[in-house]
Structure formats: structure tokens, C-alpha cells
Amino acid sequence: MRRSEPTGPVGVRGLEHSVVELPWGVLRGALGASDGTAGAKSNVPSALAVLRHATLYKAFPEEIEEAFEVLERHAMRAGQLYPVAVTVVPFLFDMLRRESKIEQRIADLIASYAALAVTLEPELRGQLRRTISDHAVLVAGWLGCCDRAAGALAIHVPALRNDLFEAITKADELGPEIMLALVELGAAPGRSRTLALARLLDEATPAVARMCAAAFLSRHGDLTPDLRTRIDAALPPDAASVLCEYVHQLWKPTVERPVVAPKLYDAEVVFADDNVLMVNIGDRSVVLPWNGAMLERGARLKVGVTAHGQARLAVITDRNGGVRVVDF
């Protein structure tokens, strides 16, 4: 990989003709030509050779990292996918058919290309999506090992969905990423509702996995009052950004918080100015974004607080018994 001269013959058994004979010099990436003339970071054939024989490079992890850097930063930059990616994808699928030791990262790379396919010209975009859809059965077989990539590809390449749904219907377990993808896909095949509910109710489940189950059930669950409360408790205010990072930004997860009445607490005003009111609820303080509250220190009221400690409303009863409700 550490070479800046044009790509010469690449000794990759089984790929000699297909890799070497392709016109990499005219296949464009972020750095220009993809044959290495722009430097090692644009040497796509060499990068593919390294990943194809990742087992042989196990003792040289920096070589594998450099190969991925070429296929990530030369084929994608600043939210733009470059034409060379269309040519790279068949080779990546070939590696996955051979049960690569770095299959998850390769699958994520393909999903990254698919997520940016909309930035290609229509003809290239269609070619990329057709290539991916031709591997629908292979992608459906990723359940349990490459869930994030499988979910992302189904979102970005609709032709994959039927095969993935069929695989989900037969599955006894579902990864959190698949549950999250099903929110975008608008489907709840097989036992997905039952599996998501079990994950949500299991307190031993990691918080981010419970968020995925909660997001799924918010869209597809039987929203009883109890389930609404549990979903709300599992989805913190920053759930959308946390889940976006969890799926490596391969898609923007939809987080629909169910309507849940906040729990009312007796509160006492401990600080007030023109913009903010601070109250004590038991042994904790809560700030209310309340302009013109017209309440003084020591005043008592009821405050509705969410499961995540956010004030949602205040209920004030005046001396004459009148009740005023303020919604934040």
C-alpha cells in the first residue's frame, strides 16, 4: 500500500484478470484517478488486494487500515459518493461470499456506499443499486453478524426488503439494529414485536439496545398506557443522536416518543427571576423555563416531570381555589 507510482500487475489469485484489466485510471474518486497515480491513498486495486487476503495481513493491521482508508476516503468525501465505488462493490461482495475475517467492516463499507448512492448520477446510481439487489439473498444471510449493514441496505435499496423480511420471519433472535431499521421500513415481520418487547422489559439489556426496542415498539407496538410509559423511560432526550451514532450514521433513525402524562410532584419555589424558576422537588432541584412566572420564593405548586427529569407542566392553585396550568 505504501506506493505512489501507477498500479502495475497485482498478484491476487482469482482476481488477476478482473482487477488488473479494469481501467482504474479513468475511474474517478475524490483524489482523481483510482490507479495510484495520485498517490497511495488512491490505489484502489492494491487496497482490494489487501482486503481480499486480510488473513495474510493479520500481522500487519496498518496495511488493512490503509486499504480501508483508500476505499472510504477516495470513494467517499464530504457526503459525496464517487463513480469508482460502483466498480468496487462487486469485489467487496466477492470477499464476503468467501467468509472474510473482516466481514462486518466490509459490509458496513458497502452500506456506506448505498447510503450515498443518491449523490451519483442516475445511471450510476441505478447500476450500484442493481448490483446490491443482485446480492439480496447474501445480505439477508447477514442477520446476526452484520445487522447494521443489512438494515441500512434494506433502507437504501428497496429491492432487498422482501428477502430480508423473509429472513426476519424465520429468525429466533433479532439484533437491535434490525429492530431500529424496521422503524424506517414500516414493517414488523415474524416475531419482531415479541422479541422487541422482551428486550425492552429485560433490565439487563444495554441501554442503547433498549432504545432500539423502544423506538420499534413506539411505531409497531400495542401502545397500552404501561407500554407507553416504559417506552418513554427507555428513550432519553438525546436518543435520536445516540442511535444515529450507534448505526454509524448509515441512516437517521426515527424516534417517535409516545405521549405520556408527566408525573406530578409537590414543589417549592427556591429561586425566581424574569426568565427562570427553580423549584425543589424532594431532594432535587428542577429548573422551569418560565418567563413571567410571577411567583415568589416559598410559593408552592405542582410540577409535572418526565421520566428523564424534564419539567413539562406546572399547576398553580390560587387562594380562591382557581387552577392554572402552564405547559412548557
Foldseek 3Di string as FASTA:
>chain_A
DQDQDFADQDPAPPCRCVLHVDPQQCFAWPQGGQRRNSHLLSNQSLLLSCQLPVVVCVVPVVSPVSSVSSLDRRQDDPLAGGLVNLVCVVSLVVSVVVPGPPNQVSLVSLLLCLLSLVRDDPVSSVSSLVVVLVCLLVLLVCFPPNLLSSLSNCLSRVSNPVNNLVSVQPDPAGFLNNLQSCLSVVDQHHCNLVRLVVLLPDPPRDLLSNLSSLQSCVRVNPDDLVSLQSSQLSQDPCNQVVVCVVSVVSDRGDGDRDDHWFDKAKWFWADDDQAWTWIDGPPDIAIDRDGPPPDDGGAIWIFGAHSNGHTAKIWDADPVRDIDIGGD
